[in-house]
PDB file of N, CA and C in Angstrom:
ATOM      1  N   MET A   1      25.574  -7.435 -10.773  1.00  0.00           N
ATOM      2  CA  MET A   1      24.566  -7.140  -9.590  1.00  0.00           C
ATOM      3  C   MET A   1      24.109  -5.731 -10.066  1.00  0.00           C
ATOM      4  N   ARG A   2      25.086  -4.921 -10.736  1.00  0.00           N
ATOM      5  CA  ARG A   2      24.530  -3.521 -11.074  1.00  0.00           C
ATOM      6  C   ARG A   2      23.477  -3.604 -11.966  1.00  0.00           C
ATOM      7  N   ALA A   3      23.508  -4.623 -13.022  1.00  0.00           N
ATOM      8  CA  ALA A   3      22.570  -4.681 -14.119  1.00  0.00           C
ATOM      9  C   ALA A   3      21.230  -5.223 -13.573  1.00  0.00           C
ATOM     10  N   LEU A   4      21.301  -6.200 -12.569  1.00  0.00           N
ATOM     11  CA  LEU A   4      20.156  -6.532 -11.712  1.00  0.00           C
ATOM     12  C   LEU A   4      19.420  -5.543 -10.938  1.00  0.00           C
ATOM     13  N   THR A   5      20.410  -4.641 -10.230  1.00  0.00           N
ATOM     14  CA  THR A   5      19.734  -3.469  -9.761  1.00  0.00           C
ATOM     15  C   THR A   5      19.256  -2.504 -10.414  1.00  0.00           C
ATOM     16  N   ARG A   6      19.773  -2.115 -11.627  1.00  0.00           N
ATOM     17  CA  ARG A   6      19.239  -1.185 -12.649  1.00  0.00           C
ATOM     18  C   ARG A   6      17.945  -1.776 -13.164  1.00  0.00           C
ATOM     19  N   PHE A   7      17.882  -3.132 -13.625  1.00  0.00           N
ATOM     20  CA  PHE A   7      16.665  -3.692 -14.177  1.00  0.00           C
ATOM     21  C   PHE A   7      15.485  -3.571 -12.928  1.00  0.00           C
ATOM     22  N   CYS A   8      16.082  -3.953 -11.695  1.00  0.00           N
ATOM     23  CA  CYS A   8      14.856  -3.804 -10.631  1.00  0.00           C
ATOM     24  C   CYS A   8      14.332  -2.279 -10.581  1.00  0.00           C
ATOM     25  N   SER A   9      15.242  -1.496 -10.537  1.00  0.00           N
ATOM     26  CA  SER A   9      14.674  -0.085 -10.344  1.00  0.00           C
ATOM     27  C   SER A   9      13.953   0.392 -11.547  1.00  0.00           C
ATOM     28  N   LEU A  10      14.220   0.056 -12.684  1.00  0.00           N
ATOM     29  CA  LEU A  10      13.562   0.491 -13.861  1.00  0.00           C
ATOM     30  C   LEU A  10      12.018  -0.399 -13.948  1.00  0.00           C
ATOM     31  N   HIS A  11      12.061  -1.490 -13.296  1.00  0.00           N
ATOM     32  CA  HIS A  11      10.858  -2.388 -13.645  1.00  0.00           C
ATOM     33  C   HIS A  11      10.202  -2.665 -12.058  1.00  0.00           C
ATOM     34  N   LEU A  12      10.020  -1.707 -11.477  1.00  0.00           N
ATOM     35  CA  LEU A  12       9.644  -2.023  -9.934  1.00  0.00           C
ATOM     36  C   LEU A  12       8.313  -2.691  -9.985  1.00  0.00           C
ATOM     37  N   GLU A  13       7.350  -2.510 -10.769  1.00  0.00           N
ATOM     38  CA  GLU A  13       6.031  -2.888 -10.635  1.00  0.00           C
ATOM     39  C   GLU A  13       6.178  -4.367 -11.014  1.00  0.00           C
ATOM     40  N   ALA A  14       7.055  -4.667 -12.159  1.00  0.00           N
ATOM     41  CA  ALA A  14       7.085  -6.239 -12.360  1.00  0.00           C
ATOM     42  C   ALA A  14       7.784  -7.010 -11.439  1.00  0.00           C
ATOM     43  N   ILE A  15       8.733  -6.234 -10.615  1.00  0.00           N
ATOM     44  CA  ILE A  15       9.294  -7.151  -9.545  1.00  0.00           C
ATOM     45  C   ILE A  15       8.389  -7.285  -8.231  1.00  0.00           C
ATOM     46  N   THR A  16       7.471  -6.230  -8.115  1.00  0.00           N
ATOM     47  CA  THR A  16       6.984  -6.502  -6.717  1.00  0.00           C
ATOM     48  C   THR A  16       5.334  -6.946  -6.795  1.00  0.00           C
ATOM     49  N   VAL A  17       4.911  -7.042  -8.180  1.00  0.00           N
ATOM     50  CA  VAL A  17       3.542  -7.706  -8.132  1.00  0.00           C
ATOM     51  C   VAL A  17       3.567  -8.861  -9.082  1.00  0.00           C
ATOM     52  N   ALA A  18       4.471  -9.224  -9.528  1.00  0.00           N
ATOM     53  CA  ALA A  18       4.367 -10.319 -10.499  1.00  0.00           C
ATOM     54  C   ALA A  18       4.511 -11.501  -9.782  1.00  0.00           C
ATOM     55  N   PRO A  19       3.570 -12.451 -10.381  1.00  0.00           N
ATOM     56  CA  PRO A  19       3.394 -14.053  -9.581  1.00  0.00           C
ATOM     57  C   PRO A  19       4.762 -14.725  -9.590  1.00  0.00           C
ATOM     58  N   ILE A  20       5.834 -14.562 -10.293  1.00  0.00           N
ATOM     59  CA  ILE A  20       7.084 -15.185 -10.163  1.00  0.00           C
ATOM     60  C   ILE A  20       8.072 -14.291  -9.585  1.00  0.00           C
ATOM     61  N   GLY A  21       7.654 -13.314  -9.489  1.00  0.00           N
ATOM     62  CA  GLY A  21       8.776 -12.158  -8.705  1.00  0.00           C
ATOM     63  C   GLY A  21       9.524 -11.372  -9.759  1.00  0.00           C
ATOM     64  N   ILE A  22       9.529 -11.732 -11.010  1.00  0.00           N
ATOM     65  CA  ILE A  22      10.355 -10.907 -11.962  1.00  0.00           C
ATOM     66  C   ILE A  22       9.365 -10.337 -13.145  1.00  0.00           C
ATOM     67  N   PHE A  23       8.753 -11.328 -13.825  1.00  0.00           N
ATOM     68  CA  PHE A  23       8.082 -10.775 -15.094  1.00  0.00           C
ATOM     69  C   PHE A  23       6.520 -11.028 -14.753  1.00  0.00           C
ATOM     70  N   PRO A  24       5.726 -10.040 -15.296  1.00  0.00           N
ATOM     71  CA  PRO A  24       4.195 -10.368 -15.031  1.00  0.00           C
ATOM     72  C   PRO A  24       3.728 -11.453 -15.825  1.00  0.00           C
ATOM     73  N   ALA A  25       2.303 -11.992 -15.463  1.00  0.00           N
ATOM     74  CA  ALA A  25       1.872 -13.007 -16.442  1.00  0.00           C
ATOM     75  C   ALA A  25       1.629 -12.566 -17.757  1.00  0.00           C
ATOM     76  N   GLU A  26       1.628 -13.392 -18.682  1.00  0.00           N
ATOM     77  CA  GLU A  26       1.366 -13.110 -20.102  1.00  0.00           C
ATOM     78  C   GLU A  26       0.383 -12.008 -20.311  1.00  0.00           C
ATOM     79  N   GLN A  27       0.658 -11.016 -21.056  1.00  0.00           N
ATOM     80  CA  GLN A  27      -0.190  -9.908 -21.558  1.00  0.00           C
ATOM     81  C   GLN A  27       0.108  -9.580 -22.899  1.00  0.00           C
ATOM     82  N   PRO A  28      -0.304 -10.505 -23.849  1.00  0.00           N
ATOM     83  CA  PRO A  28      -0.162 -10.286 -25.427  1.00  0.00           C
ATOM     84  C   PRO A  28      -0.391  -8.833 -25.915  1.00  0.00           C
ATOM     85  N   ASN A  29      -1.164  -7.946 -25.183  1.00  0.00           N
ATOM     86  CA  ASN A  29      -1.381  -6.488 -25.695  1.00  0.00           C
ATOM     87  C   ASN A  29      -0.352  -5.494 -25.119  1.00  0.00           C
ATOM     88  N   ASP A  30       0.518  -6.071 -24.239  1.00  0.00           N
ATOM     89  CA  ASP A  30       1.467  -5.216 -23.708  1.00  0.00           C
ATOM     90  C   ASP A  30       2.853  -5.255 -24.372  1.00  0.00           C
ATOM     91  N   PRO A  31       3.201  -4.186 -24.943  1.00  0.00           N
ATOM     92  CA  PRO A  31       4.414  -4.219 -25.791  1.00  0.00           C
ATOM     93  C   PRO A  31       5.716  -4.453 -24.854  1.00  0.00           C
ATOM     94  N   ASN A  32       5.731  -3.955 -23.579  1.00  0.00           N
ATOM     95  CA  ASN A  32       6.770  -4.141 -22.721  1.00  0.00           C
ATOM     96  C   ASN A  32       6.953  -5.630 -22.476  1.00  0.00           C
ATOM     97  N   TRP A  33       5.962  -6.385 -22.240  1.00  0.00           N
ATOM     98  CA  TRP A  33       5.911  -7.799 -21.778  1.00  0.00           C
ATOM     99  C   TRP A  33       6.243  -8.581 -22.935  1.00  0.00           C
ATOM    100  N   HIS A  34       5.891  -8.232 -24.186  1.00  0.00           N
ATOM    101  CA  HIS A  34       6.377  -8.780 -25.537  1.00  0.00           C
ATOM    102  C   HIS A  34       7.771  -8.711 -25.743  1.00  0.00           C
ATOM    103  N   SER A  35       8.222  -7.451 -25.427  1.00  0.00           N
ATOM    104  CA  SER A  35      10.001  -7.365 -25.630  1.00  0.00           C
ATOM    105  C   SER A  35      10.508  -8.109 -24.697  1.00  0.00           C
ATOM    106  N   HIS A  36      10.163  -8.556 -23.584  1.00  0.00           N
ATOM    107  CA  HIS A  36      10.809  -9.316 -22.603  1.00  0.00           C
ATOM    108  C   HIS A  36      10.759 -10.834 -22.948  1.00  0.00           C
ATOM    109  N   VAL A  37       9.935 -11.268 -23.518  1.00  0.00           N
ATOM    110  CA  VAL A  37       9.561 -12.718 -23.932  1.00  0.00           C
ATOM    111  C   VAL A  37       9.650 -13.117 -25.372  1.00  0.00           C
ATOM    112  N   SER A  38       9.703 -12.364 -26.157  1.00  0.00           N
ATOM    113  CA  SER A  38       9.592 -12.705 -27.600  1.00  0.00           C
ATOM    114  C   SER A  38      10.647 -13.601 -28.143  1.00  0.00           C
ATOM    115  N   HIS A  39      11.796 -13.644 -27.454  1.00  0.00           N
ATOM    116  CA  HIS A  39      12.819 -14.296 -27.851  1.00  0.00           C
ATOM    117  C   HIS A  39      12.877 -15.608 -27.125  1.00  0.00           C
ATOM    118  N   LEU A  40      11.961 -16.073 -26.276  1.00  0.00           N
ATOM    119  CA  LEU A  40      11.725 -17.166 -25.282  1.00  0.00           C
ATOM    120  C   LEU A  40      11.911 -18.511 -26.063  1.00  0.00           C
ATOM    121  N   GLY A  41      11.147 -18.451 -27.415  1.00  0.00           N
ATOM    122  CA  GLY A  41      11.091 -19.708 -28.107  1.00  0.00           C
ATOM    123  C   GLY A  41      12.667 -20.075 -28.651  1.00  0.00           C
ATOM    124  N   PHE A  42      13.191 -18.975 -29.203  1.00  0.00           N
ATOM    125  CA  PHE A  42      14.541 -19.248 -29.731  1.00  0.00           C
ATOM    126  C   PHE A  42      15.506 -19.834 -28.626  1.00  0.00           C
ATOM    127  N   LEU A  43      15.444 -19.201 -27.290  1.00  0.00           N
ATOM    128  CA  LEU A  43      16.260 -19.770 -26.352  1.00  0.00           C
ATOM    129  C   LEU A  43      15.847 -21.122 -26.014  1.00  0.00           C
ATOM    130  N   GLN A  44      14.504 -21.489 -25.912  1.00  0.00           N
ATOM    131  CA  GLN A  44      14.137 -22.754 -25.557  1.00  0.00           C
ATOM    132  C   GLN A  44      14.859 -23.898 -26.465  1.00  0.00           C
ATOM    133  N   ARG A  45      14.614 -23.634 -27.836  1.00  0.00           N
ATOM    134  CA  ARG A  45      15.211 -24.385 -28.849  1.00  0.00           C
ATOM    135  C   ARG A  45      16.636 -24.502 -29.234  1.00  0.00           C
ATOM    136  N   HIS A  46      17.521 -23.410 -28.854  1.00  0.00           N
ATOM    137  CA  HIS A  46      18.701 -23.339 -29.124  1.00  0.00           C
ATOM    138  C   HIS A  46      19.765 -23.354 -28.210  1.00  0.00           C
ATOM    139  N   ALA A  47      19.288 -22.886 -26.894  1.00  0.00           N
ATOM    140  CA  ALA A  47      20.235 -22.716 -25.898  1.00  0.00           C
ATOM    141  C   ALA A  47      19.515 -23.054 -24.502  1.00  0.00           C
ATOM    142  N   LEU A  48      18.890 -24.132 -24.402  1.00  0.00           N
ATOM    143  CA  LEU A  48      18.173 -24.479 -23.198  1.00  0.00           C
ATOM    144  C   LEU A  48      18.972 -24.657 -22.334  1.00  0.00           C
ATOM    145  N   ALA A  49      20.076 -25.316 -22.116  1.00  0.00           N
ATOM    146  CA  ALA A  49      20.860 -25.467 -20.889  1.00  0.00           C
ATOM    147  C   ALA A  49      21.493 -24.083 -20.469  1.00  0.00           C
ATOM    148  N   GLU A  50      21.886 -23.204 -21.514  1.00  0.00           N
ATOM    149  CA  GLU A  50      22.214 -21.936 -21.151  1.00  0.00           C
ATOM    150  C   GLU A  50      21.476 -21.059 -20.516  1.00  0.00           C
ATOM    151  N   THR A  51      20.216 -21.036 -21.084  1.00  0.00           N
ATOM    152  CA  THR A  51      18.833 -20.341 -20.581  1.00  0.00           C
ATOM    153  C   THR A  51      18.631 -20.808 -19.168  1.00  0.00           C
ATOM    154  N   ILE A  52      18.549 -22.199 -18.925  1.00  0.00           N
ATOM    155  CA  ILE A  52      18.338 -22.533 -17.405  1.00  0.00           C
ATOM    156  C   ILE A  52      19.414 -21.991 -16.469  1.00  0.00           C
ATOM    157  N   THR A  53      20.681 -22.324 -17.057  1.00  0.00           N
ATOM    158  CA  THR A  53      21.752 -21.781 -16.142  1.00  0.00           C
ATOM    159  C   THR A  53      21.845 -20.233 -15.749  1.00  0.00           C
ATOM    160  N   MET A  54      21.474 -19.438 -16.809  1.00  0.00           N
ATOM    161  CA  MET A  54      21.407 -18.132 -16.613  1.00  0.00           C
ATOM    162  C   MET A  54      20.192 -17.672 -15.768  1.00  0.00           C
ATOM    163  N   MET A  55      19.071 -18.353 -15.822  1.00  0.00           N
ATOM    164  CA  MET A  55      18.027 -18.203 -15.081  1.00  0.00           C
ATOM    165  C   MET A  55      18.335 -18.398 -13.614  1.00  0.00           C
ATOM    166  N   VAL A  56      19.030 -19.493 -13.282  1.00  0.00           N
ATOM    167  CA  VAL A  56      19.278 -19.801 -12.041  1.00  0.00           C
ATOM    168  C   VAL A  56      20.379 -18.886 -11.319  1.00  0.00           C
ATOM    169  N   ARG A  57      21.451 -18.589 -12.121  1.00  0.00           N
ATOM    170  CA  ARG A  57      22.246 -17.621 -11.864  1.00  0.00           C
ATOM    171  C   ARG A  57      21.692 -16.283 -11.509  1.00  0.00           C
ATOM    172  N   CYS A  58      20.617 -15.684 -12.109  1.00  0.00           N
ATOM    173  CA  CYS A  58      19.947 -14.649 -12.088  1.00  0.00           C
ATOM    174  C   CYS A  58      19.085 -14.592 -10.766  1.00  0.00           C
ATOM    175  N   MET A  59      18.403 -15.608 -10.612  1.00  0.00           N
ATOM    176  CA  MET A  59      17.731 -16.053  -9.270  1.00  0.00           C
ATOM    177  C   MET A  59      18.572 -15.866  -8.066  1.00  0.00           C
ATOM    178  N   ASN A  60      19.574 -16.585  -8.360  1.00  0.00           N
ATOM    179  CA  ASN A  60      20.688 -16.621  -7.015  1.00  0.00           C
ATOM    180  C   ASN A  60      21.163 -15.026  -6.761  1.00  0.00           C
ATOM    181  N   ALA A  61      21.457 -14.260  -7.882  1.00  0.00           N
ATOM    182  CA  ALA A  61      21.978 -13.092  -7.505  1.00  0.00           C
ATOM    183  C   ALA A  61      20.692 -12.342  -6.845  1.00  0.00           C
ATOM    184  N   LEU A  62      19.494 -12.450  -7.436  1.00  0.00           N
ATOM    185  CA  LEU A  62      18.440 -11.720  -6.717  1.00  0.00           C
ATOM    186  C   LEU A  62      18.269 -12.047  -5.393  1.00  0.00           C
ATOM    187  N   TYR A  63      18.526 -13.321  -5.061  1.00  0.00           N
ATOM    188  CA  TYR A  63      18.502 -13.854  -3.556  1.00  0.00           C
ATOM    189  C   TYR A  63      19.428 -13.017  -2.728  1.00  0.00           C
ATOM    190  N   ARG A  64      20.617 -13.297  -3.407  1.00  0.00           N
ATOM    191  CA  ARG A  64      21.804 -12.680  -2.527  1.00  0.00           C
ATOM    192  C   ARG A  64      21.643 -11.057  -2.438  1.00  0.00           C
ATOM    193  N   TRP A  65      20.949 -10.491  -3.392  1.00  0.00           N
ATOM    194  CA  TRP A  65      20.856  -9.064  -3.397  1.00  0.00           C
ATOM    195  C   TRP A  65      19.822  -8.593  -2.099  1.00  0.00           C
ATOM    196  N   GLN A  66      18.683  -9.460  -2.128  1.00  0.00           N
ATOM    197  CA  GLN A  66      17.615  -9.414  -1.189  1.00  0.00           C
ATOM    198  C   GLN A  66      18.238  -9.825   0.162  1.00  0.00           C
ATOM    199  N   VAL A  67      18.977 -10.716   0.496  1.00  0.00           N
ATOM    200  CA  VAL A  67      19.749 -11.111   1.604  1.00  0.00           C
ATOM    201  C   VAL A  67      20.637  -9.583   2.010  1.00  0.00           C
ATOM    202  N   LEU A  68      21.404  -9.165   1.308  1.00  0.00           N
ATOM    203  CA  LEU A  68      22.231  -7.970   1.532  1.00  0.00           C
ATOM    204  C   LEU A  68      21.321  -6.822   1.718  1.00  0.00           C
ATOM    205  N   GLN A  69      20.279  -6.742   1.065  1.00  0.00           N
ATOM    206  CA  GLN A  69      19.479  -5.559   1.468  1.00  0.00           C
ATOM    207  C   GLN A  69      18.704  -5.732   2.942  1.00  0.00           C
ATOM    208  N   GLY A  70      18.408  -6.938   3.166  1.00  0.00           N
ATOM    209  CA  GLY A  70      17.735  -6.982   4.380  1.00  0.00           C
ATOM    210  C   GLY A  70      18.727  -6.901   5.537  1.00  0.00           C
ATOM    211  N   ARG A  71      19.927  -7.140   5.593  1.00  0.00           N
ATOM    212  CA  ARG A  71      20.972  -6.990   6.395  1.00  0.00           C
ATOM    213  C   ARG A  71      21.302  -5.524   6.441  1.00  0.00           C
ATOM    214  N   ALA A  72      21.393  -4.846   5.428  1.00  0.00           N
ATOM    215  CA  ALA A  72      21.543  -3.370   5.436  1.00  0.00           C
ATOM    216  C   ALA A  72      20.371  -2.739   6.251  1.00  0.00           C
ATOM    217  N   LEU A  73      19.035  -3.019   6.001  1.00  0.00           N
ATOM    218  CA  LEU A  73      18.045  -2.561   6.596  1.00  0.00           C
ATOM    219  C   LEU A  73      18.011  -2.911   7.975  1.00  0.00           C
ATOM    220  N   SER A  74      18.490  -4.101   8.458  1.00  0.00           N
ATOM    221  CA  SER A  74      18.522  -4.328   9.910  1.00  0.00           C
ATOM    222  C   SER A  74      19.637  -3.295  10.512  1.00  0.00           C
ATOM    223  N   GLN A  75      20.700  -3.334   9.835  1.00  0.00           N
ATOM    224  CA  GLN A  75      21.644  -2.285  10.543  1.00  0.00           C
ATOM    225  C   GLN A  75      21.241  -0.848  10.490  1.00  0.00           C
ATOM    226  N   VAL A  76      20.501  -0.378   9.570  1.00  0.00           N
ATOM    227  CA  VAL A  76      19.986   0.922   9.769  1.00  0.00           C
ATOM    228  C   VAL A  76      19.003   0.976  10.717  1.00  0.00           C
ATOM    229  N   ILE A  77      18.168   0.092  10.908  1.00  0.00           N
ATOM    230  CA  ILE A  77      17.103  -0.074  12.076  1.00  0.00           C
ATOM    231  C   ILE A  77      17.829  -0.083  13.455  1.00  0.00           C
ATOM    232  N   GLY A  78      18.747  -0.639  13.496  1.00  0.00           N
ATOM    233  CA  GLY A  78      19.651  -0.840  14.690  1.00  0.00           C
ATOM    234  C   GLY A  78      20.168   0.607  15.184  1.00  0.00           C
ATOM    235  N   THR A  79      20.723   0.963  14.107  1.00  0.00           N
ATOM    236  CA  THR A  79      21.227   2.515  14.383  1.00  0.00           C
ATOM    237  C   THR A  79      20.283   3.359  14.639  1.00  0.00           C
ATOM    238  N   ALA A  80      19.196   3.520  14.273  1.00  0.00           N
ATOM    239  CA  ALA A  80      18.185   4.377  14.241  1.00  0.00           C
ATOM    240  C   ALA A  80      17.691   4.159  15.887  1.00  0.00           C
ATOM    241  N   GLN A  81      17.458   2.962  16.200  1.00  0.00           N
ATOM    242  CA  GLN A  81      17.081   2.478  17.627  1.00  0.00           C
ATOM    243  C   GLN A  81      18.076   3.063  18.666  1.00  0.00           C
ATOM    244  N   ASN A  82      19.380   2.797  18.069  1.00  0.00           N
ATOM    245  CA  ASN A  82      20.512   3.116  19.352  1.00  0.00           C
ATOM    246  C   ASN A  82      20.415   4.841  19.354  1.00  0.00           C
ATOM    247  N   GLU A  83      20.404   5.284  18.295  1.00  0.00           N
ATOM    248  CA  GLU A  83      20.322   6.918  18.178  1.00  0.00           C
ATOM    249  C   GLU A  83      19.015   7.417  18.979  1.00  0.00           C
ATOM    250  N   HIS A  84      18.032   6.779  18.997  1.00  0.00           N
ATOM    251  CA  HIS A  84      16.556   7.230  19.578  1.00  0.00           C
ATOM    252  C   HIS A  84      17.028   6.898  21.193  1.00  0.00           C
ATOM    253  N   GLU A  85      17.545   5.878  21.506  1.00  0.00           N
ATOM    254  CA  GLU A  85      17.626   5.686  22.947  1.00  0.00           C
ATOM    255  C   GLU A  85      18.758   6.646  23.482  1.00  0.00           C
ATOM    256  N   ILE A  86      19.826   7.073  22.838  1.00  0.00           N
ATOM    257  CA  ILE A  86      20.867   8.118  23.206  1.00  0.00           C
ATOM    258  C   ILE A  86      20.185   9.360  23.433  1.00  0.00           C
ATOM    259  N   GLY A  87      19.172   9.844  22.428  1.00  0.00           N
ATOM    260  CA  GLY A  87      18.712  11.019  22.517  1.00  0.00           C
ATOM    261  C   GLY A  87      17.759  11.025  23.560  1.00  0.00           C
ATOM    262  N   ARG A  88      16.952   9.990  23.821  1.00  0.00           N
ATOM    263  CA  ARG A  88      16.035   9.903  24.952  1.00  0.00           C
ATOM    264  C   ARG A  88      16.798  10.047  26.325  1.00  0.00           C
ATOM    265  N   ALA A  89      17.979   9.331  26.545  1.00  0.00           N
ATOM    266  CA  ALA A  89      18.722   9.550  27.424  1.00  0.00           C
ATOM    267  C   ALA A  89      19.272  10.838  27.838  1.00  0.00           C
ATOM    268  N   LYS A  90      19.782  11.417  26.774  1.00  0.00           N
ATOM    269  CA  LYS A  90      20.105  12.730  26.758  1.00  0.00           C
ATOM    270  C   LYS A  90      19.006  13.720  27.252  1.00  0.00           C
ATOM    271  N   ASP A  91      17.832  13.664  26.779  1.00  0.00           N
ATOM    272  CA  ASP A  91      16.507  14.407  27.223  1.00  0.00           C
ATOM    273  C   ASP A  91      16.565  14.152  28.752  1.00  0.00           C
ATOM    274  N   GLU A  92      16.555  13.044  29.149  1.00  0.00           N
ATOM    275  CA  GLU A  92      16.268  12.670  30.624  1.00  0.00           C
ATOM    276  C   GLU A  92      17.310  13.313  31.479  1.00  0.00           C
ATOM    277  N   GLN A  93      18.494  13.442  31.161  1.00  0.00           N
ATOM    278  CA  GLN A  93      19.736  13.853  31.723  1.00  0.00           C
ATOM    279  C   GLN A  93      19.398  15.695  31.849  1.00  0.00           C
ATOM    280  N   MET A  94      19.000  16.062  30.811  1.00  0.00           N
ATOM    281  CA  MET A  94      18.633  17.414  30.829  1.00  0.00           C
ATOM    282  C   MET A  94      17.639  17.842  31.488  1.00  0.00           C
ATOM    283  N   ALA A  95      16.468  17.019  31.729  1.00  0.00           N
ATOM    284  CA  ALA A  95      15.324  17.287  32.545  1.00  0.00           C
ATOM    285  C   ALA A  95      15.843  17.191  34.025  1.00  0.00           C
ATOM    286  N   ASP A  96      16.583  16.175  34.217  1.00  0.00           N
ATOM    287  CA  ASP A  96      17.203  16.127  35.639  1.00  0.00           C
ATOM    288  C   ASP A  96      17.965  17.172  36.068  1.00  0.00           C
ATOM    289  N   LEU A  97      18.778  17.772  35.153  1.00  0.00           N
ATOM    290  CA  LEU A  97      19.646  19.005  35.542  1.00  0.00           C
ATOM    291  C   LEU A  97      18.785  20.211  35.835  1.00  0.00           C
ATOM    292  N   ASN A  98      17.677  20.175  34.930  1.00  0.00           N
ATOM    293  CA  ASN A  98      16.956  21.447  35.206  1.00  0.00           C
ATOM    294  C   ASN A  98      16.030  21.354  36.328  1.00  0.00           C
ATOM    295  N   ALA A  99      15.684  20.087  36.821  1.00  0.00           N
ATOM    296  CA  ALA A  99      15.005  19.855  38.194  1.00  0.00           C
ATOM    297  C   ALA A  99      15.777  20.158  39.297  1.00  0.00           C
TER     298      ALA A  99
END
């Protein structure tokens, strides 16, 4: 999970704008893209089942990470809304006491 998180933080553009969500479409003149996929042929010929298994595991880990991130964001939003309501109630109490 840490490796996936680190990868995502280092390749934010690839994660957010890529058509398949992880790597951008083929760009032969881009050395970063080439370093990501230059070993693909070898993996397809010699370790197809392992490659597919690892891809599915990585996609599953990414999905779980996104679910956890969504839950955490929901909790943060809920806490912020509660704190806002508490602050507003205190402001109203102070206004009532001053009046």
